[in-house]
Amino acid sequence: MNFKLEKAAIQKAVAKLKFRTQAFIDGKFTNAQSGKTFTTENPATGKPLAQIAAGDASDVDRAVKAARRAF
């Protein structure tokens, strides 16, 4: 089957996308403990896409502890 993709239809679909911006730790999405975020950009346009949780050492520690429990 071939479907013709129209620019307007693609733009409409993309506009509905929701990005997960939190860290995935211990089976759930969570903010960075510091509350800090950073902006990720679309490499094709240079425009901002989303604010992402900026994990640091304490977030890595939480993730490692959760992984060890799961293992």
PDB file of N, CA and C in Angstrom:
ATOM      1  N   MET A   1       0.836  -1.178   0.000  1.00  0.00           N
ATOM      2  CA  MET A   1       0.000   0.000   0.000  1.00  0.00           C
ATOM      3  C   MET A   1       0.883   1.243   0.000  1.00  0.00           C
ATOM      4  N   ASN A   2       0.530   2.185  -0.796  1.00  0.00           N
ATOM      5  CA  ASN A   2       1.226   3.465  -0.801  1.00  0.00           C
ATOM      6  C   ASN A   2       0.264   4.545  -0.340  1.00  0.00           C
ATOM      7  N   PHE A   3       0.732   5.348   0.587  1.00  0.00           N
ATOM      8  CA  PHE A   3      -0.053   6.465   1.065  1.00  0.00           C
ATOM      9  C   PHE A   3       0.705   7.743   0.746  1.00  0.00           C
ATOM     10  N   LYS A   4      -0.001   8.708   0.217  1.00  0.00           N
ATOM     11  CA  LYS A   4       0.616   9.989  -0.072  1.00  0.00           C
ATOM     12  C   LYS A   4       0.558  10.814   1.210  1.00  0.00           C
ATOM     13  N   LEU A   5       1.715  11.214   1.701  1.00  0.00           N
ATOM     14  CA  LEU A   5       1.773  12.026   2.907  1.00  0.00           C
ATOM     15  C   LEU A   5       1.797  13.496   2.517  1.00  0.00           C
ATOM     16  N   GLU A   6       0.861  14.206   3.016  1.00  0.00           N
ATOM     17  CA  GLU A   6       0.784  15.625   2.730  1.00  0.00           C
ATOM     18  C   GLU A   6       1.411  16.402   3.865  1.00  0.00           C
ATOM     19  N   LYS A   7       2.082  17.471   3.510  1.00  0.00           N
ATOM     20  CA  LYS A   7       2.801  18.284   4.482  1.00  0.00           C
ATOM     21  C   LYS A   7       1.884  18.746   5.611  1.00  0.00           C
ATOM     22  N   ALA A   8       0.706  19.205   5.298  1.00  0.00           N
ATOM     23  CA  ALA A   8      -0.222  19.698   6.319  1.00  0.00           C
ATOM     24  C   ALA A   8      -0.623  18.578   7.283  1.00  0.00           C
ATOM     25  N   ALA A   9      -0.837  17.372   6.767  1.00  0.00           N
ATOM     26  CA  ALA A   9      -1.217  16.243   7.619  1.00  0.00           C
ATOM     27  C   ALA A   9      -0.076  15.870   8.553  1.00  0.00           C
ATOM     28  N   ILE A  10       1.144  15.909   8.034  1.00  0.00           N
ATOM     29  CA  ILE A  10       2.314  15.601   8.865  1.00  0.00           C
ATOM     30  C   ILE A  10       2.464  16.656   9.958  1.00  0.00           C
ATOM     31  N   GLN A  11       2.359  17.919   9.599  1.00  0.00           N
ATOM     32  CA  GLN A  11       2.496  18.999  10.584  1.00  0.00           C
ATOM     33  C   GLN A  11       1.434  18.895  11.665  1.00  0.00           C
ATOM     34  N   LYS A  12       0.222  18.535  11.288  1.00  0.00           N
ATOM     35  CA  LYS A  12      -0.863  18.372  12.259  1.00  0.00           C
ATOM     36  C   LYS A  12      -0.557  17.230  13.228  1.00  0.00           C
ATOM     37  N   ALA A  13      -0.057  16.115  12.694  1.00  0.00           N
ATOM     38  CA  ALA A  13       0.276  14.965  13.538  1.00  0.00           C
ATOM     39  C   ALA A  13       1.429  15.294  14.477  1.00  0.00           C
ATOM     40  N   VAL A  14       2.447  15.965  13.983  1.00  0.00           N
ATOM     41  CA  VAL A  14       3.604  16.322  14.799  1.00  0.00           C
ATOM     42  C   VAL A  14       3.204  17.278  15.919  1.00  0.00           C
ATOM     43  N   ALA A  15       2.292  18.189  15.630  1.00  0.00           N
ATOM     44  CA  ALA A  15       1.849  19.158  16.641  1.00  0.00           C
ATOM     45  C   ALA A  15       1.186  18.470  17.838  1.00  0.00           C
ATOM     46  N   LYS A  16       0.648  17.274  17.612  1.00  0.00           N
ATOM     47  CA  LYS A  16      -0.021  16.539  18.694  1.00  0.00           C
ATOM     48  C   LYS A  16       0.930  15.707  19.549  1.00  0.00           C
ATOM     49  N   LEU A  17       2.178  15.562  19.111  1.00  0.00           N
ATOM     50  CA  LEU A  17       3.139  14.762  19.865  1.00  0.00           C
ATOM     51  C   LEU A  17       3.443  15.393  21.220  1.00  0.00           C
ATOM     52  N   LYS A  18       3.535  14.563  22.234  1.00  0.00           N
ATOM     53  CA  LYS A  18       3.928  15.036  23.564  1.00  0.00           C
ATOM     54  C   LYS A  18       5.202  14.291  23.944  1.00  0.00           C
ATOM     55  N   PHE A  19       6.227  15.047  24.256  1.00  0.00           N
ATOM     56  CA  PHE A  19       7.502  14.465  24.628  1.00  0.00           C
ATOM     57  C   PHE A  19       7.551  14.226  26.129  1.00  0.00           C
ATOM     58  N   ARG A  20       8.056  13.057  26.533  1.00  0.00           N
ATOM     59  CA  ARG A  20       8.324  12.802  27.939  1.00  0.00           C
ATOM     60  C   ARG A  20       9.602  13.530  28.274  1.00  0.00           C
ATOM     61  N   THR A  21       9.576  14.366  29.283  1.00  0.00           N
ATOM     62  CA  THR A  21      10.729  15.222  29.574  1.00  0.00           C
ATOM     63  C   THR A  21      11.340  14.946  30.937  1.00  0.00           C
ATOM     64  N   GLN A  22      10.822  13.965  31.624  1.00  0.00           N
ATOM     65  CA  GLN A  22      11.346  13.621  32.936  1.00  0.00           C
ATOM     66  C   GLN A  22      12.243  12.403  32.832  1.00  0.00           C
ATOM     67  N   ALA A  23      13.025  12.169  33.874  1.00  0.00           N
ATOM     68  CA  ALA A  23      13.865  10.976  33.940  1.00  0.00           C
ATOM     69  C   ALA A  23      12.968   9.775  34.267  1.00  0.00           C
ATOM     70  N   PHE A  24      13.281   8.619  33.694  1.00  0.00           N
ATOM     71  CA  PHE A  24      12.539   7.393  33.979  1.00  0.00           C
ATOM     72  C   PHE A  24      13.351   6.590  34.982  1.00  0.00           C
ATOM     73  N   ILE A  25      12.929   6.647  36.254  1.00  0.00           N
ATOM     74  CA  ILE A  25      13.653   5.992  37.341  1.00  0.00           C
ATOM     75  C   ILE A  25      12.670   5.168  38.158  1.00  0.00           C
ATOM     76  N   ASP A  26      13.036   3.930  38.412  1.00  0.00           N
ATOM     77  CA  ASP A  26      12.238   3.027  39.247  1.00  0.00           C
ATOM     78  C   ASP A  26      10.819   2.852  38.705  1.00  0.00           C
ATOM     79  N   GLY A  27      10.710   2.760  37.384  1.00  0.00           N
ATOM     80  CA  GLY A  27       9.426   2.474  36.773  1.00  0.00           C
ATOM     81  C   GLY A  27       8.489   3.649  36.610  1.00  0.00           C
ATOM     82  N   LYS A  28       8.972   4.856  36.864  1.00  0.00           N
ATOM     83  CA  LYS A  28       8.090   6.012  36.695  1.00  0.00           C
ATOM     84  C   LYS A  28       8.887   7.236  36.248  1.00  0.00           C
ATOM     85  N   PHE A  29       8.188   8.149  35.625  1.00  0.00           N
ATOM     86  CA  PHE A  29       8.816   9.391  35.202  1.00  0.00           C
ATOM     87  C   PHE A  29       8.870  10.344  36.387  1.00  0.00           C
ATOM     88  N   THR A  30      10.019  10.968  36.568  1.00  0.00           N
ATOM     89  CA  THR A  30      10.216  11.841  37.717  1.00  0.00           C
ATOM     90  C   THR A  30      11.084  13.040  37.338  1.00  0.00           C
ATOM     91  N   ASN A  31      10.842  14.159  37.991  1.00  0.00           N
ATOM     92  CA  ASN A  31      11.688  15.334  37.785  1.00  0.00           C
ATOM     93  C   ASN A  31      13.065  15.078  38.376  1.00  0.00           C
ATOM     94  N   ALA A  32      14.045  15.834  37.911  1.00  0.00           N
ATOM     95  CA  ALA A  32      15.366  15.788  38.546  1.00  0.00           C
ATOM     96  C   ALA A  32      15.207  16.289  39.986  1.00  0.00           C
ATOM     97  N   GLN A  33      15.954  15.699  40.911  1.00  0.00           N
ATOM     98  CA  GLN A  33      15.828  16.122  42.311  1.00  0.00           C
ATOM     99  C   GLN A  33      16.162  17.592  42.484  1.00  0.00           C
ATOM    100  N   SER A  34      17.059  18.113  41.672  1.00  0.00           N
ATOM    101  CA  SER A  34      17.435  19.526  41.761  1.00  0.00           C
ATOM    102  C   SER A  34      16.366  20.439  41.181  1.00  0.00           C
ATOM    103  N   GLY A  35      15.481  19.865  40.379  1.00  0.00           N
ATOM    104  CA  GLY A  35      14.473  20.663  39.700  1.00  0.00           C
ATOM    105  C   GLY A  35      14.989  21.337  38.428  1.00  0.00           C
ATOM    106  N   LYS A  36      16.278  21.129  38.134  1.00  0.00           N
ATOM    107  CA  LYS A  36      16.871  21.768  36.964  1.00  0.00           C
ATOM    108  C   LYS A  36      16.447  21.079  35.678  1.00  0.00           C
ATOM    109  N   THR A  37      16.410  21.870  34.606  1.00  0.00           N
ATOM    110  CA  THR A  37      16.100  21.357  33.280  1.00  0.00           C
ATOM    111  C   THR A  37      17.080  21.969  32.267  1.00  0.00           C
ATOM    112  N   PHE A  38      17.081  21.409  31.064  1.00  0.00           N
ATOM    113  CA  PHE A  38      17.833  22.010  29.971  1.00  0.00           C
ATOM    114  C   PHE A  38      16.974  21.931  28.709  1.00  0.00           C
ATOM    115  N   THR A  39      17.256  22.798  27.772  1.00  0.00           N
ATOM    116  CA  THR A  39      16.494  22.842  26.528  1.00  0.00           C
ATOM    117  C   THR A  39      17.144  21.940  25.493  1.00  0.00           C
ATOM    118  N   THR A  40      16.343  21.094  24.873  1.00  0.00           N
ATOM    119  CA  THR A  40      16.813  20.304  23.746  1.00  0.00           C
ATOM    120  C   THR A  40      16.269  20.948  22.478  1.00  0.00           C
ATOM    121  N   GLU A  41      17.081  20.934  21.435  1.00  0.00           N
ATOM    122  CA  GLU A  41      16.700  21.612  20.203  1.00  0.00           C
ATOM    123  C   GLU A  41      16.520  20.623  19.051  1.00  0.00           C
ATOM    124  N   ASN A  42      15.686  21.005  18.121  1.00  0.00           N
ATOM    125  CA  ASN A  42      15.517  20.256  16.884  1.00  0.00           C
ATOM    126  C   ASN A  42      16.770  20.492  16.050  1.00  0.00           C
ATOM    127  N   PRO A  43      17.536  19.452  15.739  1.00  0.00           N
ATOM    128  CA  PRO A  43      18.778  19.656  14.998  1.00  0.00           C
ATOM    129  C   PRO A  43      18.555  20.164  13.571  1.00  0.00           C
ATOM    130  N   ALA A  44      17.381  19.939  13.037  1.00  0.00           N
ATOM    131  CA  ALA A  44      17.093  20.390  11.677  1.00  0.00           C
ATOM    132  C   ALA A  44      16.793  21.879  11.613  1.00  0.00           C
ATOM    133  N   THR A  45      16.224  22.416  12.701  1.00  0.00           N
ATOM    134  CA  THR A  45      15.801  23.818  12.672  1.00  0.00           C
ATOM    135  C   THR A  45      16.519  24.693  13.690  1.00  0.00           C
ATOM    136  N   GLY A  46      17.094  24.054  14.719  1.00  0.00           N
ATOM    137  CA  GLY A  46      17.714  24.822  15.795  1.00  0.00           C
ATOM    138  C   GLY A  46      16.710  25.400  16.769  1.00  0.00           C
ATOM    139  N   LYS A  47      15.436  25.103  16.572  1.00  0.00           N
ATOM    140  CA  LYS A  47      14.392  25.623  17.460  1.00  0.00           C
ATOM    141  C   LYS A  47      14.214  24.695  18.654  1.00  0.00           C
ATOM    142  N   PRO A  48      13.841  25.257  19.811  1.00  0.00           N
ATOM    143  CA  PRO A  48      13.632  24.443  21.015  1.00  0.00           C
ATOM    144  C   PRO A  48      12.507  23.417  20.825  1.00  0.00           C
ATOM    145  N   LEU A  49      12.735  22.223  21.362  1.00  0.00           N
ATOM    146  CA  LEU A  49      11.713  21.176  21.339  1.00  0.00           C
ATOM    147  C   LEU A  49      11.054  21.015  22.701  1.00  0.00           C
ATOM    148  N   ALA A  50      11.886  20.924  23.747  1.00  0.00           N
ATOM    149  CA  ALA A  50      11.344  20.643  25.073  1.00  0.00           C
ATOM    150  C   ALA A  50      12.363  20.981  26.149  1.00  0.00           C
ATOM    151  N   GLN A  51      11.861  21.139  27.367  1.00  0.00           N
ATOM    152  CA  GLN A  51      12.707  21.282  28.554  1.00  0.00           C
ATOM    153  C   GLN A  51      12.838  19.891  29.172  1.00  0.00           C
ATOM    154  N   ILE A  52      14.057  19.401  29.283  1.00  0.00           N
ATOM    155  CA  ILE A  52      14.332  18.046  29.754  1.00  0.00           C
ATOM    156  C   ILE A  52      14.889  18.095  31.175  1.00  0.00           C
ATOM    157  N   ALA A  53      14.493  17.131  32.010  1.00  0.00           N
ATOM    158  CA  ALA A  53      15.038  17.033  33.365  1.00  0.00           C
ATOM    159  C   ALA A  53      16.547  16.855  33.293  1.00  0.00           C
ATOM    160  N   ALA A  54      17.270  17.693  34.018  1.00  0.00           N
ATOM    161  CA  ALA A  54      18.736  17.646  34.025  1.00  0.00           C
ATOM    162  C   ALA A  54      19.191  16.853  35.243  1.00  0.00           C
ATOM    163  N   GLY A  55      19.292  15.546  35.070  1.00  0.00           N
ATOM    164  CA  GLY A  55      19.710  14.691  36.169  1.00  0.00           C
ATOM    165  C   GLY A  55      21.152  14.941  36.563  1.00  0.00           C
ATOM    166  N   ASP A  56      21.433  14.778  37.841  1.00  0.00           N
ATOM    167  CA  ASP A  56      22.799  14.911  38.338  1.00  0.00           C
ATOM    168  C   ASP A  56      23.153  13.656  39.133  1.00  0.00           C
ATOM    169  N   ALA A  57      24.198  13.717  39.917  1.00  0.00           N
ATOM    170  CA  ALA A  57      24.685  12.535  40.636  1.00  0.00           C
ATOM    171  C   ALA A  57      23.613  11.906  41.530  1.00  0.00           C
ATOM    172  N   SER A  58      22.795  12.718  42.173  1.00  0.00           N
ATOM    173  CA  SER A  58      21.773  12.147  43.060  1.00  0.00           C
ATOM    174  C   SER A  58      20.725  11.377  42.254  1.00  0.00           C
ATOM    175  N   ASP A  59      20.420  11.847  41.063  1.00  0.00           N
ATOM    176  CA  ASP A  59      19.471  11.129  40.203  1.00  0.00           C
ATOM    177  C   ASP A  59      20.080   9.826  39.687  1.00  0.00           C
ATOM    178  N   VAL A  60      21.357   9.859  39.363  1.00  0.00           N
ATOM    179  CA  VAL A  60      22.048   8.643  38.931  1.00  0.00           C
ATOM    180  C   VAL A  60      22.061   7.632  40.076  1.00  0.00           C
ATOM    181  N   ASP A  61      22.323   8.088  41.292  1.00  0.00           N
ATOM    182  CA  ASP A  61      22.307   7.194  42.453  1.00  0.00           C
ATOM    183  C   ASP A  61      20.938   6.540  42.625  1.00  0.00           C
ATOM    184  N   ARG A  62      19.885   7.328  42.498  1.00  0.00           N
ATOM    185  CA  ARG A  62      18.528   6.773  42.614  1.00  0.00           C
ATOM    186  C   ARG A  62      18.279   5.726  41.532  1.00  0.00           C
ATOM    187  N   ALA A  63      18.719   6.016  40.305  1.00  0.00           N
ATOM    188  CA  ALA A  63      18.511   5.086  39.195  1.00  0.00           C
ATOM    189  C   ALA A  63      19.297   3.793  39.404  1.00  0.00           C
ATOM    190  N   VAL A  64      20.514   3.904  39.877  1.00  0.00           N
ATOM    191  CA  VAL A  64      21.339   2.717  40.117  1.00  0.00           C
ATOM    192  C   VAL A  64      20.734   1.865  41.229  1.00  0.00           C
ATOM    193  N   LYS A  65      20.293   2.488  42.304  1.00  0.00           N
ATOM    194  CA  LYS A  65      19.675   1.738  43.408  1.00  0.00           C
ATOM    195  C   LYS A  65      18.411   1.010  42.916  1.00  0.00           C
ATOM    196  N   ALA A  66      17.600   1.693  42.112  1.00  0.00           N
ATOM    197  CA  ALA A  66      16.394   1.063  41.575  1.00  0.00           C
ATOM    198  C   ALA A  66      16.748  -0.102  40.660  1.00  0.00           C
ATOM    199  N   ALA A  67      17.781   0.071  39.850  1.00  0.00           N
ATOM    200  CA  ALA A  67      18.200  -1.003  38.934  1.00  0.00           C
ATOM    201  C   ALA A  67      18.703  -2.208  39.717  1.00  0.00           C
ATOM    202  N   ARG A  68      19.454  -1.968  40.783  1.00  0.00           N
ATOM    203  CA  ARG A  68      19.954  -3.071  41.599  1.00  0.00           C
ATOM    204  C   ARG A  68      18.814  -3.826  42.273  1.00  0.00           C
ATOM    205  N   ARG A  69      17.814  -3.080  42.754  1.00  0.00           N
ATOM    206  CA  ARG A  69      16.652  -3.752  43.363  1.00  0.00           C
ATOM    207  C   ARG A  69      15.926  -4.610  42.324  1.00  0.00           C
ATOM    208  N   ALA A  70      15.821  -4.100  41.113  1.00  0.00           N
ATOM    209  CA  ALA A  70      15.107  -4.814  40.052  1.00  0.00           C
ATOM    210  C   ALA A  70      15.863  -6.040  39.598  1.00  0.00           C
ATOM    211  N   PHE A  71      17.192  -5.973  39.682  1.00  0.00           N
ATOM    212  CA  PHE A  71      18.015  -7.074  39.231  1.00  0.00           C
ATOM    213  C   PHE A  71      17.954  -8.195  40.237  1.00  0.00           C
TER     214      PHE A  71
END
